C-alpha atoms as a PDB file:
ATOM      1  CA  MET A   1     -36.818 -95.337  54.948  1.00  0.00           C
ATOM      2  CA  ILE A   2     -37.949 -97.313  58.004  1.00  0.00           C
ATOM      3  CA  ASN A   3     -35.716 -98.765  60.710  1.00  0.00           C
ATOM      4  CA  LEU A   4     -37.140-100.851  63.520  1.00  0.00           C
ATOM      5  CA  ASP A   5     -35.809-101.222  67.034  1.00  0.00           C
ATOM      6  CA  PHE A   6     -36.297-104.843  68.027  1.00  0.00           C
ATOM      7  CA  SER A   7     -35.400-103.995  71.628  1.00  0.00           C
ATOM      8  CA  ASP A   8     -38.296-101.485  71.771  1.00  0.00           C
ATOM      9  CA  ARG A   9     -41.177-102.768  73.882  1.00  0.00           C
ATOM     10  CA  ARG A  10     -43.767-101.416  71.453  1.00  0.00           C
ATOM     11  CA  PRO A  11     -45.163-103.810  68.861  1.00  0.00           C
ATOM     12  CA  LEU A  12     -43.505-103.606  65.444  1.00  0.00           C
ATOM     13  CA  TYR A  13     -46.680-102.390  63.731  1.00  0.00           C
ATOM     14  CA  GLU A  14     -46.798 -99.409  66.118  1.00  0.00           C
ATOM     15  CA  GLN A  15     -43.172 -98.574  65.354  1.00  0.00           C
ATOM     16  CA  ILE A  16     -43.943 -98.712  61.630  1.00  0.00           C
ATOM     17  CA  LYS A  17     -46.949 -96.434  62.090  1.00  0.00           C
ATOM     18  CA  GLU A  18     -44.888 -93.931  64.071  1.00  0.00           C
ATOM     19  CA  LYS A  19     -42.066 -93.935  61.506  1.00  0.00           C
ATOM     20  CA  PHE A  20     -44.522 -93.229  58.680  1.00  0.00           C
ATOM     21  CA  LYS A  21     -46.188 -90.478  60.708  1.00  0.00           C
ATOM     22  CA  GLU A  22     -42.760 -88.896  61.330  1.00  0.00           C
ATOM     23  CA  LEU A  23     -41.990 -89.000  57.606  1.00  0.00           C
ATOM     24  CA  ILE A  24     -45.354 -87.441  56.753  1.00  0.00           C
ATOM     25  CA  ILE A  25     -45.337 -84.762  59.457  1.00  0.00           C
ATOM     26  CA  SER A  26     -41.724 -83.783  58.775  1.00  0.00           C
ATOM     27  CA  GLY A  27     -42.438 -83.367  55.062  1.00  0.00           C
ATOM     28  CA  ALA A  28     -39.974 -86.088  54.054  1.00  0.00           C
ATOM     29  CA  VAL A  29     -42.786 -87.537  51.920  1.00  0.00           C
ATOM     30  CA  ASN A  30     -45.436 -85.629  50.004  1.00  0.00           C
ATOM     31  CA  GLU A  31     -49.133 -86.039  49.354  1.00  0.00           C
ATOM     32  CA  HIS A  32     -49.844 -88.818  46.842  1.00  0.00           C
ATOM     33  CA  ASP A  33     -46.311 -90.282  47.078  1.00  0.00           C
ATOM     34  CA  LYS A  34     -46.424 -94.060  46.672  1.00  0.00           C
ATOM     35  CA  ILE A  35     -45.249 -96.046  49.663  1.00  0.00           C
ATOM     36  CA  PRO A  36     -43.759 -99.557  49.503  1.00  0.00           C
ATOM     37  CA  SER A  37     -46.195-102.412  49.090  1.00  0.00           C
ATOM     38  CA  VAL A  38     -46.862-104.636  52.075  1.00  0.00           C
ATOM     39  CA  ARG A  39     -44.689-107.378  50.567  1.00  0.00           C
ATOM     40  CA  GLU A  40     -41.866-105.012  49.624  1.00  0.00           C
ATOM     41  CA  LEU A  41     -41.665-103.485  53.090  1.00  0.00           C
ATOM     42  CA  ALA A  42     -42.049-106.847  54.840  1.00  0.00           C
ATOM     43  CA  SER A  43     -39.233-108.237  52.728  1.00  0.00           C
ATOM     44  CA  SER A  44     -36.913-105.276  53.316  1.00  0.00           C
ATOM     45  CA  LEU A  45     -37.559-105.332  57.078  1.00  0.00           C
ATOM     46  CA  ALA A  46     -37.569-109.154  57.252  1.00  0.00           C
ATOM     47  CA  ILE A  47     -40.843-109.275  59.169  1.00  0.00           C
ATOM     48  CA  ASN A  48     -44.260-110.838  58.670  1.00  0.00           C
ATOM     49  CA  PRO A  49     -46.408-109.100  56.022  1.00  0.00           C
ATOM     50  CA  ASN A  50     -49.361-109.200  58.446  1.00  0.00           C
ATOM     51  CA  THR A  51     -47.452-106.761  60.664  1.00  0.00           C
ATOM     52  CA  ILE A  52     -47.105-104.300  57.794  1.00  0.00           C
ATOM     53  CA  GLN A  53     -50.724-104.836  56.803  1.00  0.00           C
ATOM     54  CA  ARG A  54     -51.879-103.932  60.318  1.00  0.00           C
ATOM     55  CA  ALA A  55     -49.759-100.762  60.357  1.00  0.00           C
ATOM     56  CA  TYR A  56     -51.059 -99.730  56.926  1.00  0.00           C
ATOM     57  CA  LYS A  57     -54.651-100.463  57.944  1.00  0.00           C
ATOM     58  CA  GLU A  58     -54.368 -98.235  61.001  1.00  0.00           C
ATOM     59  CA  LEU A  59     -52.577 -95.487  59.066  1.00  0.00           C
ATOM     60  CA  GLU A  60     -55.412 -95.554  56.557  1.00  0.00           C
ATOM     61  CA  GLU A  61     -58.047 -95.452  59.310  1.00  0.00           C
ATOM     62  CA  GLU A  62     -56.275 -92.409  60.779  1.00  0.00           C
ATOM     63  CA  GLY A  63     -56.191 -90.689  57.384  1.00  0.00           C
ATOM     64  CA  PHE A  64     -52.433 -90.735  56.808  1.00  0.00           C
ATOM     65  CA  ILE A  65     -52.484 -93.014  53.766  1.00  0.00           C
ATOM     66  CA  TYR A  66     -54.985 -94.251  51.198  1.00  0.00           C
ATOM     67  CA  SER A  67     -55.065 -97.318  48.971  1.00  0.00           C
ATOM     68  CA  GLN A  68     -56.031 -97.809  45.357  1.00  0.00           C
ATOM     69  CA  ARG A  69     -56.863-101.299  44.179  1.00  0.00           C
ATOM     70  CA  ALA A  70     -54.101-102.761  41.995  1.00  0.00           C
ATOM     71  CA  LYS A  71     -52.011 -99.572  42.327  1.00  0.00           C
ATOM     72  CA  GLY A  72     -50.840 -99.569  45.933  1.00  0.00           C
ATOM     73  CA  SER A  73     -50.843 -97.270  48.935  1.00  0.00           C
ATOM     74  CA  PHE A  74     -50.124 -93.550  48.908  1.00  0.00           C
ATOM     75  CA  ILE A  75     -49.652 -90.629  51.287  1.00  0.00           C
ATOM     76  CA  ALA A  76     -53.062 -89.055  51.832  1.00  0.00           C
ATOM     77  CA  PRO A  77     -53.785 -85.379  51.295  1.00  0.00           C
ATOM     78  CA  ILE A  78     -54.708 -83.475  54.423  1.00  0.00           C
ATOM     79  CA  LYS A  79     -58.457 -83.106  54.724  1.00  0.00           C
ATOM     80  CA  LYS A  80     -59.689 -80.207  56.831  1.00  0.00           C
ATOM     81  CA  ALA A  81     -62.503 -82.098  58.571  1.00  0.00           C
ATOM     82  CA  GLN A  82     -60.270 -85.063  59.320  1.00  0.00           C
ATOM     83  CA  THR A  83     -57.524 -82.766  60.527  1.00  0.00           C
ATOM     84  CA  GLU A  84     -59.769 -80.893  62.977  1.00  0.00           C
ATOM     85  CA  GLU A  85     -61.024 -84.150  64.484  1.00  0.00           C
ATOM     86  CA  PHE A  86     -57.517 -85.553  64.685  1.00  0.00           C
ATOM     87  CA  ILE A  87     -56.158 -82.345  66.228  1.00  0.00           C
ATOM     88  CA  SER A  88     -58.862 -82.497  68.903  1.00  0.00           C
ATOM     89  CA  ALA A  89     -57.804 -86.054  69.702  1.00  0.00           C
ATOM     90  CA  LEU A  90     -54.148 -85.004  69.903  1.00  0.00           C
ATOM     91  CA  TYR A  91     -54.974 -82.157  72.294  1.00  0.00           C
ATOM     92  CA  LYS A  92     -56.915 -84.632  74.435  1.00  0.00           C
ATOM     93  CA  ASN A  93     -53.840 -86.904  74.495  1.00  0.00           C
ATOM     94  CA  LEU A  94     -51.663 -83.925  75.444  1.00  0.00           C
ATOM     95  CA  GLN A  95     -54.065 -82.971  78.222  1.00  0.00           C
ATOM     96  CA  ASP A  96     -54.100 -86.550  79.533  1.00  0.00           C
ATOM     97  CA  ALA A  97     -50.292 -86.750  79.453  1.00  0.00           C
ATOM     98  CA  ALA A  98     -49.919 -83.392  81.240  1.00  0.00           C
ATOM     99  CA  ALA A  99     -52.435 -84.430  83.897  1.00  0.00           C
ATOM    100  CA  GLU A 100     -50.579 -87.679  84.522  1.00  0.00           C
ATOM    101  CA  LEU A 101     -47.214 -85.921  84.695  1.00  0.00           C
ATOM    102  CA  LEU A 102     -48.609 -83.453  87.235  1.00  0.00           C
ATOM    103  CA  TYR A 103     -50.120 -86.332  89.220  1.00  0.00           C
ATOM    104  CA  ARG A 104     -46.715 -88.018  89.279  1.00  0.00           C
ATOM    105  CA  GLY A 105     -45.109 -84.937  90.785  1.00  0.00           C
ATOM    106  CA  GLU A 106     -43.843 -82.962  87.806  1.00  0.00           C
ATOM    107  CA  SER A 107     -44.207 -79.209  88.176  1.00  0.00           C
ATOM    108  CA  PRO A 108     -46.072 -77.011  85.684  1.00  0.00           C
ATOM    109  CA  GLU A 109     -42.767 -75.241  85.045  1.00  0.00           C
ATOM    110  CA  SER A 110     -41.011 -78.490  84.089  1.00  0.00           C
ATOM    111  CA  LEU A 111     -43.861 -79.344  81.705  1.00  0.00           C
ATOM    112  CA  LYS A 112     -43.601 -75.913  80.063  1.00  0.00           C
ATOM    113  CA  HIS A 113     -39.836 -76.329  79.810  1.00  0.00           C
ATOM    114  CA  GLU A 114     -40.219 -79.721  78.105  1.00  0.00           C
ATOM    115  CA  VAL A 115     -42.779 -78.333  75.633  1.00  0.00           C
ATOM    116  CA  ASP A 116     -40.393 -75.490  74.800  1.00  0.00           C
ATOM    117  CA  LYS A 117     -37.608 -78.039  74.210  1.00  0.00           C
ATOM    118  CA  ILE A 118     -39.897 -80.003  71.895  1.00  0.00           C
ATOM    119  CA  PHE A 119     -40.672 -76.884  69.835  1.00  0.00           C
ATOM    120  CA  GLU A 120     -36.989 -75.982  69.605  1.00  0.00           C
ATOM    121  CA  ASN A 121     -36.175 -79.501  68.430  1.00  0.00           C
ATOM    122  CA  ILE A 122     -38.915 -79.313  65.787  1.00  0.00           C
ATOM    123  CA  LYS A 123     -37.621 -75.955  64.554  1.00  0.00           C
ATOM    124  CA  ARG A 124     -34.192 -77.542  64.085  1.00  0.00           C
ATOM    125  CA  GLY A 125     -35.764 -80.320  62.018  1.00  0.00           C
ATOM    126  CA  GLY A 126     -35.807 -82.988  64.698  1.00  0.00           C
ATOM    127  CA  ASN A 127     -38.702 -85.188  65.781  1.00  0.00           C
END
């Protein structure tokens, strides 16, 4: 389900968050599906449970998962209000990234080309 790249410069908890987001966004997991417990995932990945706990905490804060006491963690249903706020934040991130790319000398045409490539990749089922 989750594979980590120990040569990646990003912290492990960020990699875990991104992998879960990919699974959710791609539809590989469904609303209310149970996800592995902190201990189960830590054991299978051979990493500290605190790392998993941090990833789960942030995923819950961002509305991707929810927890039920004594039952575990689950994929959260999409909530309209949460989604609109989150989408606004994503557009802000996109705007910031585009501005930085332009500042670093990329042309508007190359940005458009890259966005088109991203959409084509998504259509083919890639991430």
